[in-house]
Amino acid sequence: MIATAEDLRQHLNLEPGFEPDALLDRKIAAAESWISAYVGEPIGELQTVPAALVEAALQLAAHLYENREATLVGVSAAELPFGVIDLIRPFRVWTI
């Protein structure tokens, strides 16, 4: 993984030990999987991971953590946190 449970905990401003690492690790893994599918290559295998991809992974993992259900009632919601696509678009691999 390109980010750790502690990275996500800091990103979310959670107290140490507030959530189990296993839960945060699942959110990070899901975010990285989604980003890898979007860019067209496994980001976890990159020698050096650009800061923009790490930030996008943390933003998306935080979104998955804070919105754990497929639907929300009584609130406005967006598909992804603002800026995630903009952060990862430059790394997309295009093929013919």
PDB file of N, CA and C in Angstrom:
ATOM      1  N   MET A   1       0.838  -1.186   0.000  1.00  0.00           N
ATOM      2  CA  MET A   1       0.000   0.000   0.000  1.00  0.00           C
ATOM      3  C   MET A   1       0.880   1.245   0.000  1.00  0.00           C
ATOM      4  N   ILE A   2       0.374   2.292  -0.622  1.00  0.00           N
ATOM      5  CA  ILE A   2       1.157   3.525  -0.704  1.00  0.00           C
ATOM      6  C   ILE A   2       0.914   4.449   0.482  1.00  0.00           C
ATOM      7  N   ALA A   3      -0.094   4.136   1.284  1.00  0.00           N
ATOM      8  CA  ALA A   3      -0.377   4.905   2.492  1.00  0.00           C
ATOM      9  C   ALA A   3      -0.624   3.907   3.624  1.00  0.00           C
ATOM     10  N   THR A   4      -0.414   4.357   4.834  1.00  0.00           N
ATOM     11  CA  THR A   4      -0.600   3.490   5.995  1.00  0.00           C
ATOM     12  C   THR A   4      -1.854   3.891   6.758  1.00  0.00           C
ATOM     13  N   ALA A   5      -2.256   3.014   7.663  1.00  0.00           N
ATOM     14  CA  ALA A   5      -3.390   3.333   8.527  1.00  0.00           C
ATOM     15  C   ALA A   5      -3.096   4.603   9.327  1.00  0.00           C
ATOM     16  N   GLU A   6      -1.858   4.767   9.763  1.00  0.00           N
ATOM     17  CA  GLU A   6      -1.493   5.972  10.519  1.00  0.00           C
ATOM     18  C   GLU A   6      -1.596   7.218   9.637  1.00  0.00           C
ATOM     19  N   ASP A   7      -1.201   7.118   8.354  1.00  0.00           N
ATOM     20  CA  ASP A   7      -1.357   8.249   7.431  1.00  0.00           C
ATOM     21  C   ASP A   7      -2.826   8.651   7.336  1.00  0.00           C
ATOM     22  N   LEU A   8      -3.708   7.656   7.181  1.00  0.00           N
ATOM     23  CA  LEU A   8      -5.136   7.945   7.062  1.00  0.00           C
ATOM     24  C   LEU A   8      -5.688   8.485   8.377  1.00  0.00           C
ATOM     25  N   ARG A   9      -5.230   7.942   9.478  1.00  0.00           N
ATOM     26  CA  ARG A   9      -5.669   8.422  10.793  1.00  0.00           C
ATOM     27  C   ARG A   9      -5.319   9.910  10.939  1.00  0.00           C
ATOM     28  N   GLN A  10      -4.110  10.306  10.538  1.00  0.00           N
ATOM     29  CA  GLN A  10      -3.714  11.712  10.602  1.00  0.00           C
ATOM     30  C   GLN A  10      -4.530  12.556   9.640  1.00  0.00           C
ATOM     31  N   HIS A  11      -4.770  12.027   8.430  1.00  0.00           N
ATOM     32  CA  HIS A  11      -5.558  12.749   7.424  1.00  0.00           C
ATOM     33  C   HIS A  11      -6.973  13.030   7.950  1.00  0.00           C
ATOM     34  N   LEU A  12      -7.538  12.080   8.669  1.00  0.00           N
ATOM     35  CA  LEU A  12      -8.890  12.211   9.214  1.00  0.00           C
ATOM     36  C   LEU A  12      -8.928  12.911  10.571  1.00  0.00           C
ATOM     37  N   ASN A  13      -7.758  13.248  11.117  1.00  0.00           N
ATOM     38  CA  ASN A  13      -7.652  13.848  12.458  1.00  0.00           C
ATOM     39  C   ASN A  13      -8.255  12.949  13.526  1.00  0.00           C
ATOM     40  N   LEU A  14      -7.976  11.639  13.423  1.00  0.00           N
ATOM     41  CA  LEU A  14      -8.455  10.687  14.417  1.00  0.00           C
ATOM     42  C   LEU A  14      -7.383  10.499  15.487  1.00  0.00           C
ATOM     43  N   GLU A  15      -7.823  10.282  16.698  1.00  0.00           N
ATOM     44  CA  GLU A  15      -6.899   9.996  17.796  1.00  0.00           C
ATOM     45  C   GLU A  15      -6.244   8.636  17.566  1.00  0.00           C
ATOM     46  N   PRO A  16      -5.005   8.452  18.000  1.00  0.00           N
ATOM     47  CA  PRO A  16      -4.360   7.137  17.881  1.00  0.00           C
ATOM     48  C   PRO A  16      -5.225   6.054  18.531  1.00  0.00           C
ATOM     49  N   GLY A  17      -5.401   4.967  17.830  1.00  0.00           N
ATOM     50  CA  GLY A  17      -6.193   3.860  18.340  1.00  0.00           C
ATOM     51  C   GLY A  17      -7.689   4.046  18.231  1.00  0.00           C
ATOM     52  N   PHE A  18      -8.157   5.181  17.658  1.00  0.00           N
ATOM     53  CA  PHE A  18      -9.593   5.450  17.561  1.00  0.00           C
ATOM     54  C   PHE A  18     -10.300   4.415  16.708  1.00  0.00           C
ATOM     55  N   GLU A  19      -9.699   4.035  15.602  1.00  0.00           N
ATOM     56  CA  GLU A  19     -10.244   3.001  14.725  1.00  0.00           C
ATOM     57  C   GLU A  19      -9.188   1.923  14.555  1.00  0.00           C
ATOM     58  N   PRO A  20      -9.623   0.679  14.416  1.00  0.00           N
ATOM     59  CA  PRO A  20      -8.642  -0.389  14.194  1.00  0.00           C
ATOM     60  C   PRO A  20      -7.935  -0.226  12.852  1.00  0.00           C
ATOM     61  N   ASP A  21      -6.649  -0.588  12.818  1.00  0.00           N
ATOM     62  CA  ASP A  21      -5.887  -0.496  11.577  1.00  0.00           C
ATOM     63  C   ASP A  21      -6.543  -1.280  10.455  1.00  0.00           C
ATOM     64  N   ALA A  22      -7.149  -2.428  10.762  1.00  0.00           N
ATOM     65  CA  ALA A  22      -7.747  -3.278   9.725  1.00  0.00           C
ATOM     66  C   ALA A  22      -8.824  -2.520   8.950  1.00  0.00           C
ATOM     67  N   LEU A  23      -9.643  -1.727   9.637  1.00  0.00           N
ATOM     68  CA  LEU A  23     -10.685  -0.952   8.954  1.00  0.00           C
ATOM     69  C   LEU A  23     -10.056   0.100   8.048  1.00  0.00           C
ATOM     70  N   LEU A  24      -9.084   0.827   8.568  1.00  0.00           N
ATOM     71  CA  LEU A  24      -8.437   1.867   7.774  1.00  0.00           C
ATOM     72  C   LEU A  24      -7.660   1.266   6.614  1.00  0.00           C
ATOM     73  N   ASP A  25      -7.013   0.128   6.836  1.00  0.00           N
ATOM     74  CA  ASP A  25      -6.288  -0.560   5.756  1.00  0.00           C
ATOM     75  C   ASP A  25      -7.234  -0.964   4.625  1.00  0.00           C
ATOM     76  N   ARG A  26      -8.451  -1.419   4.975  1.00  0.00           N
ATOM     77  CA  ARG A  26      -9.428  -1.784   3.932  1.00  0.00           C
ATOM     78  C   ARG A  26      -9.831  -0.573   3.102  1.00  0.00           C
ATOM     79  N   LYS A  27     -10.013   0.562   3.739  1.00  0.00           N
ATOM     80  CA  LYS A  27     -10.392   1.782   3.014  1.00  0.00           C
ATOM     81  C   LYS A  27      -9.258   2.217   2.085  1.00  0.00           C
ATOM     82  N   ILE A  28      -8.010   2.129   2.554  1.00  0.00           N
ATOM     83  CA  ILE A  28      -6.852   2.480   1.736  1.00  0.00           C
ATOM     84  C   ILE A  28      -6.734   1.517   0.555  1.00  0.00           C
ATOM     85  N   ALA A  29      -6.886   0.232   0.813  1.00  0.00           N
ATOM     86  CA  ALA A  29      -6.783  -0.763  -0.260  1.00  0.00           C
ATOM     87  C   ALA A  29      -7.856  -0.534  -1.324  1.00  0.00           C
ATOM     88  N   ALA A  30      -9.069  -0.226  -0.900  1.00  0.00           N
ATOM     89  CA  ALA A  30     -10.149   0.038  -1.856  1.00  0.00           C
ATOM     90  C   ALA A  30      -9.846   1.288  -2.678  1.00  0.00           C
ATOM     91  N   ALA A  31      -9.343   2.327  -2.025  1.00  0.00           N
ATOM     92  CA  ALA A  31      -9.005   3.566  -2.729  1.00  0.00           C
ATOM     93  C   ALA A  31      -7.893   3.325  -3.737  1.00  0.00           C
ATOM     94  N   GLU A  32      -6.857   2.607  -3.321  1.00  0.00           N
ATOM     95  CA  GLU A  32      -5.742   2.323  -4.231  1.00  0.00           C
ATOM     96  C   GLU A  32      -6.186   1.449  -5.397  1.00  0.00           C
ATOM     97  N   SER A  33      -7.063   0.512  -5.143  1.00  0.00           N
ATOM     98  CA  SER A  33      -7.587  -0.338  -6.209  1.00  0.00           C
ATOM     99  C   SER A  33      -8.359   0.495  -7.230  1.00  0.00           C
ATOM    100  N   TRP A  34      -9.197   1.410  -6.744  1.00  0.00           N
ATOM    101  CA  TRP A  34      -9.972   2.268  -7.632  1.00  0.00           C
ATOM    102  C   TRP A  34      -9.047   3.152  -8.465  1.00  0.00           C
ATOM    103  N   ILE A  35      -8.048   3.748  -7.822  1.00  0.00           N
ATOM    104  CA  ILE A  35      -7.108   4.623  -8.525  1.00  0.00           C
ATOM    105  C   ILE A  35      -6.309   3.824  -9.550  1.00  0.00           C
ATOM    106  N   SER A  36      -5.864   2.629  -9.189  1.00  0.00           N
ATOM    107  CA  SER A  36      -5.125   1.783 -10.135  1.00  0.00           C
ATOM    108  C   SER A  36      -5.964   1.473 -11.361  1.00  0.00           C
ATOM    109  N   ALA A  37      -7.237   1.166 -11.160  1.00  0.00           N
ATOM    110  CA  ALA A  37      -8.125   0.888 -12.289  1.00  0.00           C
ATOM    111  C   ALA A  37      -8.298   2.128 -13.162  1.00  0.00           C
ATOM    112  N   TYR A  38      -8.379   3.291 -12.541  1.00  0.00           N
ATOM    113  CA  TYR A  38      -8.571   4.530 -13.304  1.00  0.00           C
ATOM    114  C   TYR A  38      -7.329   4.880 -14.123  1.00  0.00           C
ATOM    115  N   VAL A  39      -6.161   4.768 -13.506  1.00  0.00           N
ATOM    116  CA  VAL A  39      -4.937   5.158 -14.223  1.00  0.00           C
ATOM    117  C   VAL A  39      -4.438   4.065 -15.160  1.00  0.00           C
ATOM    118  N   GLY A  40      -4.866   2.827 -14.950  1.00  0.00           N
ATOM    119  CA  GLY A  40      -4.509   1.759 -15.866  1.00  0.00           C
ATOM    120  C   GLY A  40      -3.254   0.992 -15.512  1.00  0.00           C
ATOM    121  N   GLU A  41      -2.757   1.165 -14.295  1.00  0.00           N
ATOM    122  CA  GLU A  41      -1.621   0.382 -13.826  1.00  0.00           C
ATOM    123  C   GLU A  41      -1.638   0.340 -12.307  1.00  0.00           C
ATOM    124  N   PRO A  42      -1.074  -0.728 -11.736  1.00  0.00           N
ATOM    125  CA  PRO A  42      -1.080  -0.836 -10.272  1.00  0.00           C
ATOM    126  C   PRO A  42      -0.165   0.203  -9.621  1.00  0.00           C
ATOM    127  N   ILE A  43      -0.746   1.114  -8.880  1.00  0.00           N
ATOM    128  CA  ILE A  43       0.058   2.185  -8.288  1.00  0.00           C
ATOM    129  C   ILE A  43       0.929   1.675  -7.152  1.00  0.00           C
ATOM    130  N   GLY A  44       0.543   0.565  -6.538  1.00  0.00           N
ATOM    131  CA  GLY A  44       1.333   0.010  -5.451  1.00  0.00           C
ATOM    132  C   GLY A  44       2.660  -0.567  -5.910  1.00  0.00           C
ATOM    133  N   GLU A  45       2.820  -0.772  -7.216  1.00  0.00           N
ATOM    134  CA  GLU A  45       4.057  -1.343  -7.749  1.00  0.00           C
ATOM    135  C   GLU A  45       5.023  -0.281  -8.283  1.00  0.00           C
ATOM    136  N   LEU A  46       4.648   0.980  -8.209  1.00  0.00           N
ATOM    137  CA  LEU A  46       5.527   2.043  -8.686  1.00  0.00           C
ATOM    138  C   LEU A  46       6.744   2.168  -7.776  1.00  0.00           C
ATOM    139  N   GLN A  47       7.903   2.395  -8.371  1.00  0.00           N
ATOM    140  CA  GLN A  47       9.122   2.575  -7.576  1.00  0.00           C
ATOM    141  C   GLN A  47       8.999   3.792  -6.661  1.00  0.00           C
ATOM    142  N   THR A  48       8.605   4.897  -7.253  1.00  0.00           N
ATOM    143  CA  THR A  48       8.380   6.131  -6.504  1.00  0.00           C
ATOM    144  C   THR A  48       6.954   6.573  -6.775  1.00  0.00           C
ATOM    145  N   VAL A  49       6.185   6.707  -5.728  1.00  0.00           N
ATOM    146  CA  VAL A  49       4.788   7.104  -5.882  1.00  0.00           C
ATOM    147  C   VAL A  49       4.701   8.619  -5.754  1.00  0.00           C
ATOM    148  N   PRO A  50       4.190   9.290  -6.801  1.00  0.00           N
ATOM    149  CA  PRO A  50       4.064  10.746  -6.731  1.00  0.00           C
ATOM    150  C   PRO A  50       3.155  11.175  -5.576  1.00  0.00           C
ATOM    151  N   ALA A  51       3.477  12.300  -4.989  1.00  0.00           N
ATOM    152  CA  ALA A  51       2.707  12.825  -3.861  1.00  0.00           C
ATOM    153  C   ALA A  51       1.238  13.016  -4.220  1.00  0.00           C
ATOM    154  N   ALA A  52       0.958  13.365  -5.466  1.00  0.00           N
ATOM    155  CA  ALA A  52      -0.436  13.570  -5.885  1.00  0.00           C
ATOM    156  C   ALA A  52      -1.239  12.278  -5.774  1.00  0.00           C
ATOM    157  N   LEU A  53      -0.620  11.130  -6.086  1.00  0.00           N
ATOM    158  CA  LEU A  53      -1.331   9.861  -5.972  1.00  0.00           C
ATOM    159  C   LEU A  53      -1.548   9.463  -4.518  1.00  0.00           C
ATOM    160  N   VAL A  54      -0.582   9.762  -3.675  1.00  0.00           N
ATOM    161  CA  VAL A  54      -0.742   9.487  -2.241  1.00  0.00           C
ATOM    162  C   VAL A  54      -1.880  10.344  -1.689  1.00  0.00           C
ATOM    163  N   GLU A  55      -1.891  11.624  -2.043  1.00  0.00           N
ATOM    164  CA  GLU A  55      -2.952  12.525  -1.578  1.00  0.00           C
ATOM    165  C   GLU A  55      -4.314  12.066  -2.077  1.00  0.00           C
ATOM    166  N   ALA A  56      -4.394  11.664  -3.346  1.00  0.00           N
ATOM    167  CA  ALA A  56      -5.659  11.182  -3.903  1.00  0.00           C
ATOM    168  C   ALA A  56      -6.120   9.924  -3.166  1.00  0.00           C
ATOM    169  N   ALA A  57      -5.196   9.021  -2.868  1.00  0.00           N
ATOM    170  CA  ALA A  57      -5.545   7.796  -2.147  1.00  0.00           C
ATOM    171  C   ALA A  57      -6.073   8.123  -0.749  1.00  0.00           C
ATOM    172  N   LEU A  58      -5.440   9.065  -0.076  1.00  0.00           N
ATOM    173  CA  LEU A  58      -5.900   9.450   1.262  1.00  0.00           C
ATOM    174  C   LEU A  58      -7.259  10.135   1.208  1.00  0.00           C
ATOM    175  N   GLN A  59      -7.461  11.014   0.223  1.00  0.00           N
ATOM    176  CA  GLN A  59      -8.756  11.686   0.096  1.00  0.00           C
ATOM    177  C   GLN A  59      -9.871  10.683  -0.187  1.00  0.00           C
ATOM    178  N   LEU A  60      -9.604   9.755  -1.096  1.00  0.00           N
ATOM    179  CA  LEU A  60     -10.619   8.767  -1.449  1.00  0.00           C
ATOM    180  C   LEU A  60     -10.870   7.805  -0.284  1.00  0.00           C
ATOM    181  N   ALA A  61      -9.814   7.369   0.401  1.00  0.00           N
ATOM    182  CA  ALA A  61      -9.982   6.489   1.561  1.00  0.00           C
ATOM    183  C   ALA A  61     -10.770   7.205   2.662  1.00  0.00           C
ATOM    184  N   ALA A  62     -10.500   8.476   2.863  1.00  0.00           N
ATOM    185  CA  ALA A  62     -11.248   9.255   3.859  1.00  0.00           C
ATOM    186  C   ALA A  62     -12.715   9.348   3.469  1.00  0.00           C
ATOM    187  N   HIS A  63     -12.975   9.545   2.186  1.00  0.00           N
ATOM    188  CA  HIS A  63     -14.359   9.589   1.696  1.00  0.00           C
ATOM    189  C   HIS A  63     -15.055   8.252   1.963  1.00  0.00           C
ATOM    190  N   LEU A  64     -14.370   7.139   1.681  1.00  0.00           N
ATOM    191  CA  LEU A  64     -14.946   5.820   1.930  1.00  0.00           C
ATOM    192  C   LEU A  64     -15.174   5.582   3.424  1.00  0.00           C
ATOM    193  N   TYR A  65     -14.285   6.092   4.257  1.00  0.00           N
ATOM    194  CA  TYR A  65     -14.424   5.964   5.707  1.00  0.00           C
ATOM    195  C   TYR A  65     -15.635   6.756   6.204  1.00  0.00           C
ATOM    196  N   GLU A  66     -15.777   7.977   5.718  1.00  0.00           N
ATOM    197  CA  GLU A  66     -16.833   8.857   6.215  1.00  0.00           C
ATOM    198  C   GLU A  66     -18.194   8.574   5.598  1.00  0.00           C
ATOM    199  N   ASN A  67     -18.227   7.901   4.469  1.00  0.00           N
ATOM    200  CA  ASN A  67     -19.479   7.575   3.775  1.00  0.00           C
ATOM    201  C   ASN A  67     -19.510   6.069   3.548  1.00  0.00           C
ATOM    202  N   ARG A  68     -19.872   5.335   4.569  1.00  0.00           N
ATOM    203  CA  ARG A  68     -19.768   3.880   4.533  1.00  0.00           C
ATOM    204  C   ARG A  68     -20.949   3.190   3.869  1.00  0.00           C
ATOM    205  N   GLU A  69     -21.960   3.907   3.526  1.00  0.00           N
ATOM    206  CA  GLU A  69     -23.136   3.322   2.882  1.00  0.00           C
ATOM    207  C   GLU A  69     -23.207   3.760   1.430  1.00  0.00           C
ATOM    208  N   ALA A  70     -23.930   2.993   0.626  1.00  0.00           N
ATOM    209  CA  ALA A  70     -24.063   3.309  -0.799  1.00  0.00           C
ATOM    210  C   ALA A  70     -24.971   4.510  -1.035  1.00  0.00           C
ATOM    211  N   THR A  71     -25.849   4.803  -0.099  1.00  0.00           N
ATOM    212  CA  THR A  71     -26.757   5.935  -0.251  1.00  0.00           C
ATOM    213  C   THR A  71     -26.754   6.761   1.029  1.00  0.00           C
ATOM    214  N   LEU A  72     -27.054   8.043   0.868  1.00  0.00           N
ATOM    215  CA  LEU A  72     -27.163   8.941   2.005  1.00  0.00           C
ATOM    216  C   LEU A  72     -28.526   9.612   1.946  1.00  0.00           C
ATOM    217  N   VAL A  73     -29.146   9.807   3.068  1.00  0.00           N
ATOM    218  CA  VAL A  73     -30.462  10.425   3.120  1.00  0.00           C
ATOM    219  C   VAL A  73     -30.338  11.784   3.790  1.00  0.00           C
ATOM    220  N   GLY A  74     -30.899  12.802   3.143  1.00  0.00           N
ATOM    221  CA  GLY A  74     -30.958  14.118   3.756  1.00  0.00           C
ATOM    222  C   GLY A  74     -29.704  14.964   3.634  1.00  0.00           C
ATOM    223  N   VAL A  75     -28.746  14.549   2.823  1.00  0.00           N
ATOM    224  CA  VAL A  75     -27.536  15.338   2.634  1.00  0.00           C
ATOM    225  C   VAL A  75     -27.179  15.361   1.159  1.00  0.00           C
ATOM    226  N   SER A  76     -26.434  16.367   0.777  1.00  0.00           N
ATOM    227  CA  SER A  76     -25.919  16.419  -0.584  1.00  0.00           C
ATOM    228  C   SER A  76     -24.642  15.586  -0.633  1.00  0.00           C
ATOM    229  N   ALA A  77     -24.505  14.819  -1.690  1.00  0.00           N
ATOM    230  CA  ALA A  77     -23.313  13.983  -1.815  1.00  0.00           C
ATOM    231  C   ALA A  77     -22.790  14.058  -3.238  1.00  0.00           C
ATOM    232  N   ALA A  78     -21.511  13.828  -3.378  1.00  0.00           N
ATOM    233  CA  ALA A  78     -20.877  13.780  -4.691  1.00  0.00           C
ATOM    234  C   ALA A  78     -20.273  12.397  -4.861  1.00  0.00           C
ATOM    235  N   GLU A  79     -20.002  12.028  -6.119  1.00  0.00           N
ATOM    236  CA  GLU A  79     -19.423  10.714  -6.372  1.00  0.00           C
ATOM    237  C   GLU A  79     -18.064  10.561  -5.701  1.00  0.00           C
ATOM    238  N   LEU A  80     -17.208  11.561  -5.855  1.00  0.00           N
ATOM    239  CA  LEU A  80     -15.858  11.513  -5.301  1.00  0.00           C
ATOM    240  C   LEU A  80     -15.541  12.836  -4.632  1.00  0.00           C
ATOM    241  N   PRO A  81     -14.597  12.821  -3.716  1.00  0.00           N
ATOM    242  CA  PRO A  81     -14.180  14.099  -3.140  1.00  0.00           C
ATOM    243  C   PRO A  81     -13.618  15.014  -4.230  1.00  0.00           C
ATOM    244  N   PHE A  82     -13.897  16.285  -4.095  1.00  0.00           N
ATOM    245  CA  PHE A  82     -13.429  17.278  -5.064  1.00  0.00           C
ATOM    246  C   PHE A  82     -11.925  17.181  -5.231  1.00  0.00           C
ATOM    247  N   GLY A  83     -11.485  17.068  -6.461  1.00  0.00           N
ATOM    248  CA  GLY A  83     -10.065  17.101  -6.758  1.00  0.00           C
ATOM    249  C   GLY A  83      -9.396  15.757  -6.961  1.00  0.00           C
ATOM    250  N   VAL A  84     -10.027  14.642  -6.586  1.00  0.00           N
ATOM    251  CA  VAL A  84      -9.378  13.336  -6.730  1.00  0.00           C
ATOM    252  C   VAL A  84      -9.053  13.057  -8.195  1.00  0.00           C
ATOM    253  N   ILE A  85     -10.031  13.236  -9.071  1.00  0.00           N
ATOM    254  CA  ILE A  85      -9.797  12.987 -10.506  1.00  0.00           C
ATOM    255  C   ILE A  85      -8.704  13.917 -11.030  1.00  0.00           C
ATOM    256  N   ASP A  86      -8.735  15.170 -10.620  1.00  0.00           N
ATOM    257  CA  ASP A  86      -7.712  16.119 -11.065  1.00  0.00           C
ATOM    258  C   ASP A  86      -6.319  15.706 -10.605  1.00  0.00           C
ATOM    259  N   LEU A  87      -6.208  15.130  -9.419  1.00  0.00           N
ATOM    260  CA  LEU A  87      -4.908  14.686  -8.913  1.00  0.00           C
ATOM    261  C   LEU A  87      -4.374  13.475  -9.671  1.00  0.00           C
ATOM    262  N   ILE A  88      -5.257  12.568 -10.094  1.00  0.00           N
ATOM    263  CA  ILE A  88      -4.778  11.326 -10.712  1.00  0.00           C
ATOM    264  C   ILE A  88      -4.782  11.340 -12.237  1.00  0.00           C
ATOM    265  N   ARG A  89      -5.514  12.260 -12.850  1.00  0.00           N
ATOM    266  CA  ARG A  89      -5.618  12.295 -14.319  1.00  0.00           C
ATOM    267  C   ARG A  89      -4.258  12.339 -15.024  1.00  0.00           C
ATOM    268  N   PRO A  90      -3.282  13.106 -14.570  1.00  0.00           N
ATOM    269  CA  PRO A  90      -1.992  13.152 -15.275  1.00  0.00           C
ATOM    270  C   PRO A  90      -1.249  11.806 -15.319  1.00  0.00           C
ATOM    271  N   PHE A  91      -1.624  10.881 -14.465  1.00  0.00           N
ATOM    272  CA  PHE A  91      -0.920   9.602 -14.392  1.00  0.00           C
ATOM    273  C   PHE A  91      -1.641   8.493 -15.147  1.00  0.00           C
ATOM    274  N   ARG A  92      -2.737   8.847 -15.818  1.00  0.00           N
ATOM    275  CA  ARG A  92      -3.516   7.844 -16.544  1.00  0.00           C
ATOM    276  C   ARG A  92      -2.710   7.332 -17.740  1.00  0.00           C
ATOM    277  N   VAL A  93      -2.693   6.024 -17.912  1.00  0.00           N
ATOM    278  CA  VAL A  93      -1.987   5.379 -19.014  1.00  0.00           C
ATOM    279  C   VAL A  93      -3.000   5.143 -20.123  1.00  0.00           C
ATOM    280  N   TRP A  94      -2.743   5.736 -21.284  1.00  0.00           N
ATOM    281  CA  TRP A  94      -3.655   5.596 -22.413  1.00  0.00           C
ATOM    282  C   TRP A  94      -3.088   4.556 -23.373  1.00  0.00           C
ATOM    283  N   THR A  95      -3.936   3.666 -23.841  1.00  0.00           N
ATOM    284  CA  THR A  95      -3.517   2.659 -24.815  1.00  0.00           C
ATOM    285  C   THR A  95      -4.439   2.697 -26.020  1.00  0.00           C
ATOM    286  N   ILE A  96      -3.944   2.156 -27.096  1.00  0.00           N
ATOM    287  CA  ILE A  96      -4.765   2.108 -28.323  1.00  0.00           C
ATOM    288  C   ILE A  96      -5.255   0.701 -28.529  1.00  0.00           C
TER     289      ILE A  96
END
